[in-house]
Amino acid sequence: MQYNNKEMGLAKTEIFTDEQNAIAAFAKAFAHPARVSILQHLYKINSCVCGDLVEEIGLAQPTISQHLKELKNLGLIKGSVEGTSVCYCIDTENWTAMKNLMSQFLDQDLTNKQDCC
């Protein structure tokens, strides 16, 4: 899975593994409630959405567009051009890959149950 990591360049991301950078990028995406709301809405309607996100989420079109761009750069959603608008839906293949990566990270406590402190 590819993701755009331009913003993190100042954080010395090159010293971390691709996996660590990917986990951080996904965590950043989920850190904003608008992006969580967009993803929930896309799953709820179970189809591509073109223009009703502004009404559904309640934010201005430029703000929604910026959040959609972030999610698309991560590969969590994909878009297709239909006339003058871009329609978005969940990229299920990348979503599954993200879930697997995040599950491995979050399940670390299941394999190391010692209390070391």
N, C-alpha and C. Protein backbone atom coordinates (compact mmCIF):
# COMPACT_ATOMS: atom_id res chain seq x y z
N MET A 1 0.84 -1.17 0.00
CA MET A 1 0.00 0.00 0.00
C MET A 1 0.89 1.23 0.00
N GLN A 2 0.60 2.17 -0.87
CA GLN A 2 1.34 3.41 -0.94
C GLN A 2 0.57 4.51 -0.23
N TYR A 3 1.28 5.42 0.37
CA TYR A 3 0.63 6.58 0.95
C TYR A 3 1.57 7.75 0.79
N ASN A 4 1.02 8.94 0.79
CA ASN A 4 1.78 10.15 0.59
C ASN A 4 2.25 10.66 1.95
N ASN A 5 3.56 10.80 2.11
CA ASN A 5 4.11 11.16 3.41
C ASN A 5 4.86 12.48 3.33
N LYS A 6 4.45 13.39 2.45
CA LYS A 6 5.15 14.65 2.28
C LYS A 6 5.16 15.48 3.56
N GLU A 7 4.02 15.53 4.26
CA GLU A 7 3.90 16.38 5.42
C GLU A 7 4.83 15.96 6.55
N MET A 8 5.17 14.71 6.60
CA MET A 8 5.93 14.21 7.73
C MET A 8 7.44 14.35 7.53
N GLY A 9 7.88 14.97 6.44
CA GLY A 9 9.30 15.09 6.13
C GLY A 9 10.11 15.76 7.21
N LEU A 10 9.54 16.70 7.90
CA LEU A 10 10.27 17.43 8.93
C LEU A 10 10.41 16.65 10.23
N ALA A 11 9.73 15.52 10.32
CA ALA A 11 9.74 14.74 11.56
C ALA A 11 10.76 13.61 11.52
N LYS A 12 11.73 13.70 10.60
CA LYS A 12 12.77 12.67 10.47
C LYS A 12 12.18 11.29 10.24
N THR A 13 11.16 11.21 9.42
CA THR A 13 10.48 9.94 9.18
C THR A 13 11.38 8.91 8.52
N GLU A 14 12.45 9.38 7.89
CA GLU A 14 13.34 8.43 7.21
C GLU A 14 14.06 7.50 8.18
N ILE A 15 14.09 7.84 9.46
CA ILE A 15 14.76 6.96 10.43
C ILE A 15 13.84 5.85 10.93
N PHE A 16 12.56 5.90 10.50
CA PHE A 16 11.59 4.90 10.92
C PHE A 16 11.25 3.97 9.76
N THR A 17 10.73 2.81 10.08
CA THR A 17 10.39 1.85 9.04
C THR A 17 9.16 2.32 8.27
N ASP A 18 8.98 1.74 7.09
CA ASP A 18 7.78 2.03 6.30
C ASP A 18 6.53 1.70 7.09
N GLU A 19 6.58 0.60 7.83
CA GLU A 19 5.43 0.19 8.63
C GLU A 19 5.12 1.22 9.71
N GLN A 20 6.14 1.71 10.39
CA GLN A 20 5.93 2.72 11.44
C GLN A 20 5.36 4.00 10.85
N ASN A 21 5.87 4.41 9.70
CA ASN A 21 5.36 5.61 9.04
C ASN A 21 3.91 5.42 8.59
N ALA A 22 3.58 4.22 8.10
CA ALA A 22 2.22 3.95 7.65
C ALA A 22 1.25 3.99 8.83
N ILE A 23 1.63 3.37 9.94
CA ILE A 23 0.77 3.38 11.14
C ILE A 23 0.54 4.81 11.60
N ALA A 24 1.58 5.63 11.61
CA ALA A 24 1.45 7.03 12.02
C ALA A 24 0.54 7.80 11.07
N ALA A 25 0.65 7.53 9.78
CA ALA A 25 -0.20 8.22 8.79
C ALA A 25 -1.66 7.84 8.97
N PHE A 26 -1.93 6.57 9.22
CA PHE A 26 -3.32 6.14 9.45
C PHE A 26 -3.86 6.75 10.74
N ALA A 27 -3.03 6.76 11.77
CA ALA A 27 -3.46 7.34 13.04
C ALA A 27 -3.78 8.83 12.86
N LYS A 28 -2.98 9.51 12.06
CA LYS A 28 -3.25 10.93 11.78
C LYS A 28 -4.57 11.09 11.05
N ALA A 29 -4.86 10.21 10.12
CA ALA A 29 -6.13 10.30 9.38
C ALA A 29 -7.31 10.12 10.32
N PHE A 30 -7.20 9.17 11.25
CA PHE A 30 -8.29 8.90 12.18
C PHE A 30 -8.36 9.92 13.31
N ALA A 31 -7.36 10.79 13.40
CA ALA A 31 -7.32 11.77 14.48
C ALA A 31 -8.26 12.94 14.23
N HIS A 32 -8.83 13.04 13.04
CA HIS A 32 -9.76 14.14 12.76
C HIS A 32 -11.18 13.60 12.62
N PRO A 33 -12.10 14.12 13.40
CA PRO A 33 -13.47 13.58 13.37
C PRO A 33 -14.16 13.73 12.01
N ALA A 34 -13.80 14.73 11.23
CA ALA A 34 -14.42 14.88 9.90
C ALA A 34 -14.04 13.70 9.01
N ARG A 35 -12.79 13.27 9.07
CA ARG A 35 -12.37 12.13 8.23
C ARG A 35 -13.03 10.84 8.72
N VAL A 36 -13.16 10.69 10.03
CA VAL A 36 -13.87 9.52 10.57
C VAL A 36 -15.31 9.55 10.08
N SER A 37 -15.94 10.70 10.12
CA SER A 37 -17.33 10.84 9.68
C SER A 37 -17.47 10.53 8.20
N ILE A 38 -16.54 10.99 7.39
CA ILE A 38 -16.57 10.71 5.95
C ILE A 38 -16.48 9.21 5.71
N LEU A 39 -15.54 8.55 6.37
CA LEU A 39 -15.39 7.10 6.19
C LEU A 39 -16.63 6.36 6.65
N GLN A 40 -17.20 6.76 7.78
CA GLN A 40 -18.42 6.12 8.26
C GLN A 40 -19.57 6.30 7.26
N HIS A 41 -19.68 7.49 6.70
CA HIS A 41 -20.75 7.76 5.74
C HIS A 41 -20.56 6.91 4.48
N LEU A 42 -19.33 6.81 3.99
CA LEU A 42 -19.08 6.02 2.79
C LEU A 42 -19.42 4.55 3.03
N TYR A 43 -19.14 4.05 4.21
CA TYR A 43 -19.51 2.67 4.52
C TYR A 43 -21.02 2.52 4.67
N LYS A 44 -21.66 3.50 5.28
CA LYS A 44 -23.10 3.43 5.52
C LYS A 44 -23.88 3.40 4.20
N ILE A 45 -23.49 4.23 3.24
CA ILE A 45 -24.24 4.26 1.99
C ILE A 45 -23.85 3.13 1.05
N ASN A 46 -22.67 2.54 1.29
CA ASN A 46 -22.20 1.39 0.53
C ASN A 46 -22.22 1.63 -0.98
N SER A 47 -21.88 2.85 -1.38
CA SER A 47 -21.75 3.18 -2.80
C SER A 47 -20.91 4.44 -2.90
N CYS A 48 -20.65 4.85 -4.12
CA CYS A 48 -19.88 6.08 -4.32
C CYS A 48 -20.74 7.30 -4.03
N VAL A 49 -20.11 8.32 -3.51
CA VAL A 49 -20.80 9.57 -3.21
C VAL A 49 -20.13 10.70 -3.98
N CYS A 50 -20.94 11.54 -4.58
CA CYS A 50 -20.38 12.62 -5.39
C CYS A 50 -20.47 13.99 -4.71
N GLY A 51 -21.64 14.38 -4.26
CA GLY A 51 -21.76 15.73 -3.77
C GLY A 51 -22.44 15.91 -2.44
N ASP A 52 -23.05 14.90 -1.88
CA ASP A 52 -23.85 15.11 -0.67
C ASP A 52 -23.05 15.07 0.62
N LEU A 53 -21.74 14.99 0.54
CA LEU A 53 -20.93 14.99 1.77
C LEU A 53 -21.01 16.32 2.50
N VAL A 54 -21.11 17.41 1.77
CA VAL A 54 -21.20 18.72 2.41
C VAL A 54 -22.45 18.77 3.29
N GLU A 55 -23.57 18.30 2.75
CA GLU A 55 -24.81 18.29 3.53
C GLU A 55 -24.73 17.27 4.67
N GLU A 56 -24.16 16.12 4.40
CA GLU A 56 -24.09 15.05 5.39
C GLU A 56 -23.16 15.40 6.55
N ILE A 57 -21.98 15.94 6.25
CA ILE A 57 -20.97 16.21 7.28
C ILE A 57 -21.19 17.58 7.91
N GLY A 58 -21.64 18.55 7.12
CA GLY A 58 -21.91 19.88 7.66
C GLY A 58 -20.73 20.83 7.63
N LEU A 59 -19.74 20.53 6.80
CA LEU A 59 -18.59 21.43 6.65
C LEU A 59 -18.60 22.01 5.24
N ALA A 60 -17.83 23.07 5.04
CA ALA A 60 -17.75 23.72 3.74
C ALA A 60 -17.11 22.80 2.70
N GLN A 61 -17.47 22.99 1.45
CA GLN A 61 -16.94 22.16 0.37
C GLN A 61 -15.41 22.12 0.32
N PRO A 62 -14.71 23.27 0.45
CA PRO A 62 -13.24 23.21 0.43
C PRO A 62 -12.67 22.36 1.57
N THR A 63 -13.31 22.40 2.73
CA THR A 63 -12.85 21.61 3.87
C THR A 63 -13.06 20.13 3.61
N ILE A 64 -14.24 19.78 3.10
CA ILE A 64 -14.52 18.39 2.75
C ILE A 64 -13.53 17.91 1.70
N SER A 65 -13.27 18.74 0.70
CA SER A 65 -12.33 18.36 -0.36
C SER A 65 -10.94 18.08 0.19
N GLN A 66 -10.50 18.88 1.15
CA GLN A 66 -9.19 18.66 1.75
C GLN A 66 -9.14 17.34 2.50
N HIS A 67 -10.20 17.02 3.24
CA HIS A 67 -10.25 15.75 3.97
C HIS A 67 -10.30 14.57 3.00
N LEU A 68 -11.06 14.71 1.92
CA LEU A 68 -11.12 13.66 0.90
C LEU A 68 -9.74 13.45 0.27
N LYS A 69 -9.02 14.53 0.02
CA LYS A 69 -7.68 14.43 -0.54
C LYS A 69 -6.75 13.65 0.39
N GLU A 70 -6.83 13.95 1.68
CA GLU A 70 -6.00 13.24 2.66
C GLU A 70 -6.31 11.73 2.65
N LEU A 71 -7.59 11.40 2.67
CA LEU A 71 -7.99 9.99 2.68
C LEU A 71 -7.61 9.29 1.38
N LYS A 72 -7.69 10.02 0.28
CA LYS A 72 -7.32 9.43 -1.01
C LYS A 72 -5.80 9.23 -1.09
N ASN A 73 -5.03 10.20 -0.59
CA ASN A 73 -3.57 10.05 -0.58
C ASN A 73 -3.13 8.84 0.22
N LEU A 74 -3.86 8.52 1.27
CA LEU A 74 -3.56 7.34 2.08
C LEU A 74 -4.02 6.05 1.40
N GLY A 75 -4.89 6.19 0.42
CA GLY A 75 -5.40 5.02 -0.27
C GLY A 75 -6.63 4.41 0.37
N LEU A 76 -7.19 5.07 1.39
CA LEU A 76 -8.36 4.52 2.05
C LEU A 76 -9.63 4.69 1.23
N ILE A 77 -9.64 5.72 0.38
CA ILE A 77 -10.77 5.91 -0.53
C ILE A 77 -10.21 6.06 -1.94
N LYS A 78 -11.09 5.88 -2.91
CA LYS A 78 -10.71 6.10 -4.30
C LYS A 78 -11.79 6.93 -4.95
N GLY A 79 -11.42 7.61 -6.02
CA GLY A 79 -12.37 8.49 -6.68
C GLY A 79 -12.40 8.23 -8.17
N SER A 80 -13.56 8.47 -8.74
CA SER A 80 -13.71 8.37 -10.19
C SER A 80 -14.44 9.62 -10.67
N VAL A 81 -14.04 10.10 -11.84
CA VAL A 81 -14.63 11.30 -12.40
C VAL A 81 -15.92 10.93 -13.12
N GLU A 82 -16.99 11.63 -12.76
CA GLU A 82 -18.28 11.46 -13.42
C GLU A 82 -18.77 12.85 -13.81
N GLY A 83 -18.61 13.17 -15.07
CA GLY A 83 -18.97 14.51 -15.53
C GLY A 83 -18.04 15.54 -14.94
N THR A 84 -18.59 16.50 -14.21
CA THR A 84 -17.76 17.55 -13.61
C THR A 84 -17.45 17.27 -12.15
N SER A 85 -17.89 16.14 -11.62
CA SER A 85 -17.64 15.86 -10.21
C SER A 85 -16.82 14.58 -10.05
N VAL A 86 -16.23 14.45 -8.88
CA VAL A 86 -15.48 13.25 -8.53
C VAL A 86 -16.30 12.49 -7.49
N CYS A 87 -16.50 11.22 -7.74
CA CYS A 87 -17.27 10.39 -6.82
C CYS A 87 -16.30 9.51 -6.02
N TYR A 88 -16.55 9.39 -4.73
CA TYR A 88 -15.65 8.67 -3.84
C TYR A 88 -16.32 7.46 -3.22
N CYS A 89 -15.49 6.44 -2.97
CA CYS A 89 -15.94 5.26 -2.23
C CYS A 89 -14.73 4.66 -1.52
N ILE A 90 -14.99 3.75 -0.61
CA ILE A 90 -13.92 3.07 0.13
C ILE A 90 -13.12 2.20 -0.83
N ASP A 91 -11.80 2.24 -0.73
CA ASP A 91 -10.94 1.32 -1.47
C ASP A 91 -10.80 0.08 -0.60
N THR A 92 -11.60 -0.91 -0.86
CA THR A 92 -11.70 -2.07 0.04
C THR A 92 -10.39 -2.84 0.15
N GLU A 93 -9.63 -2.92 -0.91
CA GLU A 93 -8.35 -3.64 -0.84
C GLU A 93 -7.37 -2.94 0.11
N ASN A 94 -7.25 -1.63 -0.05
CA ASN A 94 -6.36 -0.87 0.84
C ASN A 94 -6.91 -0.79 2.27
N TRP A 95 -8.24 -0.75 2.40
CA TRP A 95 -8.85 -0.74 3.73
C TRP A 95 -8.48 -2.01 4.48
N THR A 96 -8.55 -3.15 3.78
CA THR A 96 -8.20 -4.43 4.40
C THR A 96 -6.73 -4.46 4.79
N ALA A 97 -5.86 -3.95 3.93
CA ALA A 97 -4.43 -3.91 4.24
C ALA A 97 -4.17 -3.02 5.46
N MET A 98 -4.87 -1.87 5.53
CA MET A 98 -4.72 -0.98 6.68
C MET A 98 -5.19 -1.67 7.95
N LYS A 99 -6.33 -2.36 7.89
CA LYS A 99 -6.84 -3.06 9.07
C LYS A 99 -5.86 -4.12 9.55
N ASN A 100 -5.26 -4.86 8.64
CA ASN A 100 -4.28 -5.88 9.02
C ASN A 100 -3.07 -5.25 9.70
N LEU A 101 -2.56 -4.17 9.13
CA LEU A 101 -1.40 -3.49 9.71
C LEU A 101 -1.73 -2.94 11.09
N MET A 102 -2.87 -2.27 11.21
CA MET A 102 -3.24 -1.69 12.50
C MET A 102 -3.55 -2.78 13.53
N SER A 103 -4.15 -3.87 13.11
CA SER A 103 -4.44 -4.96 14.04
C SER A 103 -3.16 -5.56 14.60
N GLN A 104 -2.17 -5.76 13.73
CA GLN A 104 -0.88 -6.29 14.21
C GLN A 104 -0.28 -5.35 15.23
N PHE A 105 -0.34 -4.07 14.96
CA PHE A 105 0.21 -3.08 15.88
C PHE A 105 -0.56 -3.07 17.20
N LEU A 106 -1.89 -3.04 17.13
CA LEU A 106 -2.72 -2.94 18.33
C LEU A 106 -2.76 -4.23 19.13
N ASP A 107 -2.48 -5.35 18.49
CA ASP A 107 -2.52 -6.63 19.18
C ASP A 107 -1.18 -7.04 19.80
N GLN A 108 -0.22 -6.14 19.82
CA GLN A 108 1.09 -6.46 20.41
C GLN A 108 0.96 -6.90 21.86
N ASP A 109 -0.01 -6.36 22.56
CA ASP A 109 -0.18 -6.70 23.97
C ASP A 109 -0.62 -8.14 24.16
N LEU A 110 -1.17 -8.75 23.13
CA LEU A 110 -1.63 -10.13 23.24
C LEU A 110 -0.47 -11.13 23.22
N THR A 111 0.64 -10.74 22.60
CA THR A 111 1.78 -11.64 22.53
C THR A 111 2.81 -11.39 23.63
N ASN A 112 2.78 -10.22 24.24
CA ASN A 112 3.71 -9.88 25.29
C ASN A 112 2.93 -9.46 26.52
N LYS A 113 2.54 -10.42 27.33
CA LYS A 113 1.66 -10.14 28.46
C LYS A 113 2.40 -9.86 29.76
N GLN A 114 3.72 -9.77 29.71
CA GLN A 114 4.47 -9.49 30.92
C GLN A 114 4.31 -8.05 31.35
N ASP A 115 4.28 -7.84 32.63
CA ASP A 115 4.30 -6.46 33.14
C ASP A 115 5.76 -6.15 33.47
N CYS A 116 6.39 -5.33 32.67
CA CYS A 116 7.83 -5.10 32.83
C CYS A 116 8.15 -3.86 33.65
N CYS A 117 7.18 -3.13 34.09
CA CYS A 117 7.46 -1.90 34.86
C CYS A 117 6.97 -2.02 36.29
